[in-house]
Amino acid sequence: MKSEKFDELVACFSRLPGVGKKSAQKYAYFVALGDPFLGRNLASSIEEAIRFLRHCQRCGAISEHELCDICADSSRECELLCVVENPKDIITIENSHSYNGLYFVLTSVDELAGLKAAITQNATKELIFALTPGINADAIMLYIENELSAFGLKFTKIAQGIPTGVSLENVDTLSLSKALKDRNGI
């Protein structure tokens, strides 16, 4: 038995991060034949997400509007700016309920102008680095600290407790919460 449509669906699922061939086949069968209502709902949710989700123009978080809910929230501690590697890191930190400042997604040092603008706009006093621990992150932190020295900022990084090389999405909330509370100067 060979089905071109089924094979196409399996191929789509297998392109997702962390999904192998067997899992892709299981998902394809389930959404197409096991629970077609869920399949239609999933397809609709994906379509809506693609249509309406974007990056916040100020911080780079996931948003349905020009500004995300965090940037639009006037009760946040705007003098704290947490630099993360991707929008998923913001979700992870927010789920820990241990931080009430603002964020900036820095996917490359080429975005330094945007970071400077965020610092100025928010009257930032402390820049917190919540990057995946490692040599590359240390180099980025030193480079940014050097480039932003004229701003008179306090530079901190999340405390150890997050293993080197592990992305924030794979860290339990207790470790992340402790790392944020016990952050260190650079």
C-alpha atoms as a PDB file:
ATOM      1  CA  MET A   1       0.000   0.000   0.000  1.00  0.00           C
ATOM      2  CA  LYS A   2       1.393   3.363  -1.050  1.00  0.00           C
ATOM      3  CA  SER A   3      -0.294   6.715  -0.473  1.00  0.00           C
ATOM      4  CA  GLU A   4       1.238   9.873  -1.851  1.00  0.00           C
ATOM      5  CA  LYS A   5      -0.852  12.138   0.432  1.00  0.00           C
ATOM      6  CA  PHE A   6       0.117  10.138   3.528  1.00  0.00           C
ATOM      7  CA  ASP A   7       3.794  10.191   2.523  1.00  0.00           C
ATOM      8  CA  GLU A   8       3.632  13.981   2.047  1.00  0.00           C
ATOM      9  CA  LEU A   9       2.107  14.394   5.513  1.00  0.00           C
ATOM     10  CA  VAL A  10       4.787  12.156   7.052  1.00  0.00           C
ATOM     11  CA  ALA A  11       7.473  14.186   5.260  1.00  0.00           C
ATOM     12  CA  CYS A  12       6.031  17.425   6.680  1.00  0.00           C
ATOM     13  CA  PHE A  13       5.964  16.094  10.246  1.00  0.00           C
ATOM     14  CA  SER A  14       9.483  14.692   9.932  1.00  0.00           C
ATOM     15  CA  ARG A  15      10.820  18.185   9.119  1.00  0.00           C
ATOM     16  CA  LEU A  16       9.828  19.366  12.600  1.00  0.00           C
ATOM     17  CA  PRO A  17      12.700  19.556  15.130  1.00  0.00           C
ATOM     18  CA  GLY A  18      12.958  16.390  17.203  1.00  0.00           C
ATOM     19  CA  VAL A  19      10.503  14.374  15.115  1.00  0.00           C
ATOM     20  CA  GLY A  20      11.905  11.224  13.546  1.00  0.00           C
ATOM     21  CA  LYS A  21      10.419   9.050  10.821  1.00  0.00           C
ATOM     22  CA  LYS A  22       8.464   6.753  13.190  1.00  0.00           C
ATOM     23  CA  SER A  23       6.982   9.639  15.173  1.00  0.00           C
ATOM     24  CA  ALA A  24       6.119  11.436  11.938  1.00  0.00           C
ATOM     25  CA  GLN A  25       4.248   8.353  10.719  1.00  0.00           C
ATOM     26  CA  LYS A  26       2.408   8.068  14.045  1.00  0.00           C
ATOM     27  CA  TYR A  27       1.374  11.750  13.960  1.00  0.00           C
ATOM     28  CA  ALA A  28       0.345  11.584  10.302  1.00  0.00           C
ATOM     29  CA  TYR A  29      -1.835   8.532  10.878  1.00  0.00           C
ATOM     30  CA  PHE A  30      -3.395  10.018  14.011  1.00  0.00           C
ATOM     31  CA  VAL A  31      -4.368  13.407  12.541  1.00  0.00           C
ATOM     32  CA  ALA A  32      -5.483  12.006   9.172  1.00  0.00           C
ATOM     33  CA  LEU A  33      -7.312   8.844  10.214  1.00  0.00           C
ATOM     34  CA  GLY A  34      -7.221   8.382  13.985  1.00  0.00           C
ATOM     35  CA  ASP A  35      -8.823  11.711  14.905  1.00  0.00           C
ATOM     36  CA  PRO A  36      -9.619  13.732  11.772  1.00  0.00           C
ATOM     37  CA  PHE A  37     -11.387  16.401  13.877  1.00  0.00           C
ATOM     38  CA  LEU A  38      -8.113  17.033  15.724  1.00  0.00           C
ATOM     39  CA  GLY A  39      -6.334  17.062  12.350  1.00  0.00           C
ATOM     40  CA  ARG A  40      -8.643  19.794  11.035  1.00  0.00           C
ATOM     41  CA  ASN A  41      -8.301  21.733  14.293  1.00  0.00           C
ATOM     42  CA  LEU A  42      -4.494  21.436  14.120  1.00  0.00           C
ATOM     43  CA  ALA A  43      -4.467  22.602  10.500  1.00  0.00           C
ATOM     44  CA  SER A  44      -6.674  25.567  11.375  1.00  0.00           C
ATOM     45  CA  SER A  45      -4.517  26.499  14.394  1.00  0.00           C
ATOM     46  CA  ILE A  46      -1.354  26.368  12.288  1.00  0.00           C
ATOM     47  CA  GLU A  47      -2.977  28.512   9.595  1.00  0.00           C
ATOM     48  CA  GLU A  48      -4.120  31.091  12.182  1.00  0.00           C
ATOM     49  CA  ALA A  49      -0.699  31.175  13.852  1.00  0.00           C
ATOM     50  CA  ILE A  50       1.049  31.756  10.528  1.00  0.00           C
ATOM     51  CA  ARG A  51      -1.430  34.473   9.666  1.00  0.00           C
ATOM     52  CA  PHE A  52      -1.400  36.387  12.944  1.00  0.00           C
ATOM     53  CA  LEU A  53       1.835  35.741  14.846  1.00  0.00           C
ATOM     54  CA  ARG A  54       4.821  38.028  14.398  1.00  0.00           C
ATOM     55  CA  HIS A  55       7.800  39.309  16.345  1.00  0.00           C
ATOM     56  CA  CYS A  56       7.305  42.235  18.700  1.00  0.00           C
ATOM     57  CA  GLN A  57       8.865  45.277  17.067  1.00  0.00           C
ATOM     58  CA  ARG A  58      10.476  46.368  20.323  1.00  0.00           C
ATOM     59  CA  CYS A  59      11.864  43.184  21.881  1.00  0.00           C
ATOM     60  CA  GLY A  60      11.474  40.374  19.321  1.00  0.00           C
ATOM     61  CA  ALA A  61       9.066  38.233  21.397  1.00  0.00           C
ATOM     62  CA  ILE A  62       6.157  36.334  19.868  1.00  0.00           C
ATOM     63  CA  SER A  63       3.153  38.618  19.494  1.00  0.00           C
ATOM     64  CA  GLU A  64      -0.141  39.071  17.698  1.00  0.00           C
ATOM     65  CA  HIS A  65       0.323  42.849  17.681  1.00  0.00           C
ATOM     66  CA  GLU A  66       3.050  45.377  16.934  1.00  0.00           C
ATOM     67  CA  LEU A  67       4.049  45.263  20.626  1.00  0.00           C
ATOM     68  CA  CYS A  68       3.875  42.120  22.746  1.00  0.00           C
ATOM     69  CA  ASP A  69       1.925  42.030  25.998  1.00  0.00           C
ATOM     70  CA  ILE A  70       5.150  42.337  28.006  1.00  0.00           C
ATOM     71  CA  CYS A  71       6.346  45.509  26.251  1.00  0.00           C
ATOM     72  CA  ALA A  72       2.837  46.983  26.480  1.00  0.00           C
ATOM     73  CA  ASP A  73       2.577  46.280  30.224  1.00  0.00           C
ATOM     74  CA  SER A  74       3.396  49.480  32.131  1.00  0.00           C
ATOM     75  CA  SER A  75       3.683  47.579  35.434  1.00  0.00           C
ATOM     76  CA  ARG A  76       6.858  45.752  34.310  1.00  0.00           C
ATOM     77  CA  GLU A  77      10.207  46.823  35.794  1.00  0.00           C
ATOM     78  CA  CYS A  78      11.488  48.728  32.750  1.00  0.00           C
ATOM     79  CA  GLU A  79      14.913  49.392  34.301  1.00  0.00           C
ATOM     80  CA  LEU A  80      15.679  45.653  33.943  1.00  0.00           C
ATOM     81  CA  LEU A  81      16.352  44.324  30.454  1.00  0.00           C
ATOM     82  CA  CYS A  82      16.962  40.605  29.986  1.00  0.00           C
ATOM     83  CA  VAL A  83      18.834  39.599  26.831  1.00  0.00           C
ATOM     84  CA  VAL A  84      17.847  36.179  25.478  1.00  0.00           C
ATOM     85  CA  GLU A  85      18.739  34.180  22.364  1.00  0.00           C
ATOM     86  CA  ASN A  86      15.249  33.482  21.015  1.00  0.00           C
ATOM     87  CA  PRO A  87      11.572  34.205  21.747  1.00  0.00           C
ATOM     88  CA  LYS A  88      11.073  30.737  23.250  1.00  0.00           C
ATOM     89  CA  ASP A  89      13.466  31.756  26.046  1.00  0.00           C
ATOM     90  CA  ILE A  90      11.055  34.543  27.033  1.00  0.00           C
ATOM     91  CA  ILE A  91       8.240  32.015  27.370  1.00  0.00           C
ATOM     92  CA  THR A  92      10.469  29.809  29.519  1.00  0.00           C
ATOM     93  CA  ILE A  93      11.477  32.667  31.837  1.00  0.00           C
ATOM     94  CA  GLU A  94       7.897  33.961  32.079  1.00  0.00           C
ATOM     95  CA  ASN A  95       6.686  30.483  33.058  1.00  0.00           C
ATOM     96  CA  SER A  96       9.153  30.535  35.978  1.00  0.00           C
ATOM     97  CA  HIS A  97       7.362  33.626  37.445  1.00  0.00           C
ATOM     98  CA  SER A  98      10.736  34.869  38.716  1.00  0.00           C
ATOM     99  CA  TYR A  99      11.279  37.972  36.577  1.00  0.00           C
ATOM    100  CA  ASN A 100       9.160  41.076  35.996  1.00  0.00           C
ATOM    101  CA  GLY A 101      11.394  43.163  33.740  1.00  0.00           C
ATOM    102  CA  LEU A 102      11.551  43.561  29.974  1.00  0.00           C
ATOM    103  CA  TYR A 103      13.321  41.467  27.324  1.00  0.00           C
ATOM    104  CA  PHE A 104      15.374  41.788  24.186  1.00  0.00           C
ATOM    105  CA  VAL A 105      15.888  38.900  21.764  1.00  0.00           C
ATOM    106  CA  LEU A 106      19.454  39.097  20.455  1.00  0.00           C
ATOM    107  CA  THR A 107      19.922  36.512  17.722  1.00  0.00           C
ATOM    108  CA  SER A 108      23.151  38.151  16.524  1.00  0.00           C
ATOM    109  CA  VAL A 109      25.465  40.985  17.534  1.00  0.00           C
ATOM    110  CA  ASP A 110      24.319  42.752  14.351  1.00  0.00           C
ATOM    111  CA  GLU A 111      21.209  43.729  16.337  1.00  0.00           C
ATOM    112  CA  LEU A 112      23.224  45.925  18.690  1.00  0.00           C
ATOM    113  CA  ALA A 113      21.526  49.092  17.388  1.00  0.00           C
ATOM    114  CA  GLY A 114      18.136  47.693  18.400  1.00  0.00           C
ATOM    115  CA  LEU A 115      19.489  46.783  21.836  1.00  0.00           C
ATOM    116  CA  LYS A 116      20.856  50.313  22.282  1.00  0.00           C
ATOM    117  CA  ALA A 117      17.470  51.748  21.291  1.00  0.00           C
ATOM    118  CA  ALA A 118      15.692  49.490  23.820  1.00  0.00           C
ATOM    119  CA  ILE A 119      18.107  50.552  26.565  1.00  0.00           C
ATOM    120  CA  THR A 120      17.534  54.226  25.817  1.00  0.00           C
ATOM    121  CA  GLN A 121      13.751  53.897  25.429  1.00  0.00           C
ATOM    122  CA  ASN A 122      13.341  51.967  28.688  1.00  0.00           C
ATOM    123  CA  ALA A 123      15.907  53.933  30.743  1.00  0.00           C
ATOM    124  CA  THR A 124      17.528  50.583  31.487  1.00  0.00           C
ATOM    125  CA  LYS A 125      19.823  50.383  34.513  1.00  0.00           C
ATOM    126  CA  GLU A 126      20.649  46.663  34.479  1.00  0.00           C
ATOM    127  CA  LEU A 127      21.268  44.405  31.504  1.00  0.00           C
ATOM    128  CA  ILE A 128      20.775  40.735  32.409  1.00  0.00           C
ATOM    129  CA  PHE A 129      22.221  38.116  30.067  1.00  0.00           C
ATOM    130  CA  ALA A 130      20.149  34.915  29.996  1.00  0.00           C
ATOM    131  CA  LEU A 131      22.159  33.151  27.306  1.00  0.00           C
ATOM    132  CA  THR A 132      22.969  29.468  27.008  1.00  0.00           C
ATOM    133  CA  PRO A 133      26.150  29.174  29.093  1.00  0.00           C
ATOM    134  CA  GLY A 134      29.318  28.577  27.062  1.00  0.00           C
ATOM    135  CA  ILE A 135      32.350  30.192  25.475  1.00  0.00           C
ATOM    136  CA  ASN A 136      30.320  31.785  22.683  1.00  0.00           C
ATOM    137  CA  ALA A 137      27.914  33.381  25.169  1.00  0.00           C
ATOM    138  CA  ASP A 138      30.835  34.674  27.248  1.00  0.00           C
ATOM    139  CA  ALA A 139      32.350  36.283  24.152  1.00  0.00           C
ATOM    140  CA  ILE A 140      29.028  37.907  23.230  1.00  0.00           C
ATOM    141  CA  MET A 141      28.584  39.257  26.768  1.00  0.00           C
ATOM    142  CA  LEU A 142      32.089  40.753  26.809  1.00  0.00           C
ATOM    143  CA  TYR A 143      31.601  42.300  23.376  1.00  0.00           C
ATOM    144  CA  ILE A 144      28.257  43.847  24.334  1.00  0.00           C
ATOM    145  CA  GLU A 145      29.574  45.061  27.684  1.00  0.00           C
ATOM    146  CA  ASN A 146      32.424  46.783  25.853  1.00  0.00           C
ATOM    147  CA  GLU A 147      30.130  48.306  23.205  1.00  0.00           C
ATOM    148  CA  LEU A 148      27.623  49.553  25.792  1.00  0.00           C
ATOM    149  CA  SER A 149      30.071  50.797  28.437  1.00  0.00           C
ATOM    150  CA  ALA A 150      29.035  54.431  27.811  1.00  0.00           C
ATOM    151  CA  PHE A 151      25.483  53.674  29.028  1.00  0.00           C
ATOM    152  CA  GLY A 152      26.630  53.178  32.641  1.00  0.00           C
ATOM    153  CA  LEU A 153      24.707  49.926  32.972  1.00  0.00           C
ATOM    154  CA  LYS A 154      25.063  47.218  35.551  1.00  0.00           C
ATOM    155  CA  PHE A 155      25.826  44.018  33.611  1.00  0.00           C
ATOM    156  CA  THR A 156      24.734  40.708  35.112  1.00  0.00           C
ATOM    157  CA  LYS A 157      24.233  37.173  33.890  1.00  0.00           C
ATOM    158  CA  ILE A 158      21.990  34.466  35.218  1.00  0.00           C
ATOM    159  CA  ALA A 159      23.706  32.414  37.887  1.00  0.00           C
ATOM    160  CA  GLN A 160      25.156  28.996  37.312  1.00  0.00           C
ATOM    161  CA  GLY A 161      22.829  26.146  37.952  1.00  0.00           C
ATOM    162  CA  ILE A 162      21.950  26.001  34.311  1.00  0.00           C
ATOM    163  CA  PRO A 163      24.290  23.448  32.768  1.00  0.00           C
ATOM    164  CA  THR A 164      26.681  24.625  30.073  1.00  0.00           C
ATOM    165  CA  GLY A 165      25.344  23.990  26.591  1.00  0.00           C
ATOM    166  CA  VAL A 166      21.723  23.437  27.657  1.00  0.00           C
ATOM    167  CA  SER A 167      19.154  25.814  26.134  1.00  0.00           C
ATOM    168  CA  LEU A 168      16.695  27.525  28.482  1.00  0.00           C
ATOM    169  CA  GLU A 169      13.718  25.606  27.120  1.00  0.00           C
ATOM    170  CA  ASN A 170      15.252  22.411  28.573  1.00  0.00           C
ATOM    171  CA  VAL A 171      15.821  23.792  32.087  1.00  0.00           C
ATOM    172  CA  ASP A 172      13.357  23.164  34.902  1.00  0.00           C
ATOM    173  CA  THR A 173      11.623  26.224  36.298  1.00  0.00           C
ATOM    174  CA  LEU A 174      13.182  25.870  39.773  1.00  0.00           C
ATOM    175  CA  SER A 175      16.738  25.986  38.358  1.00  0.00           C
ATOM    176  CA  LEU A 176      15.811  28.874  36.072  1.00  0.00           C
ATOM    177  CA  SER A 177      14.151  30.786  38.899  1.00  0.00           C
ATOM    178  CA  LYS A 178      17.219  30.345  41.134  1.00  0.00           C
ATOM    179  CA  ALA A 179      19.574  31.327  38.313  1.00  0.00           C
ATOM    180  CA  LEU A 180      17.668  34.564  37.728  1.00  0.00           C
ATOM    181  CA  LYS A 181      17.468  35.451  41.432  1.00  0.00           C
ATOM    182  CA  ASP A 182      21.180  34.679  42.033  1.00  0.00           C
ATOM    183  CA  ARG A 183      22.481  36.406  38.912  1.00  0.00           C
ATOM    184  CA  ASN A 184      26.081  37.629  39.025  1.00  0.00           C
ATOM    185  CA  GLY A 185      27.940  40.679  37.834  1.00  0.00           C
ATOM    186  CA  ILE A 186      30.098  40.180  34.773  1.00  0.00           C
END
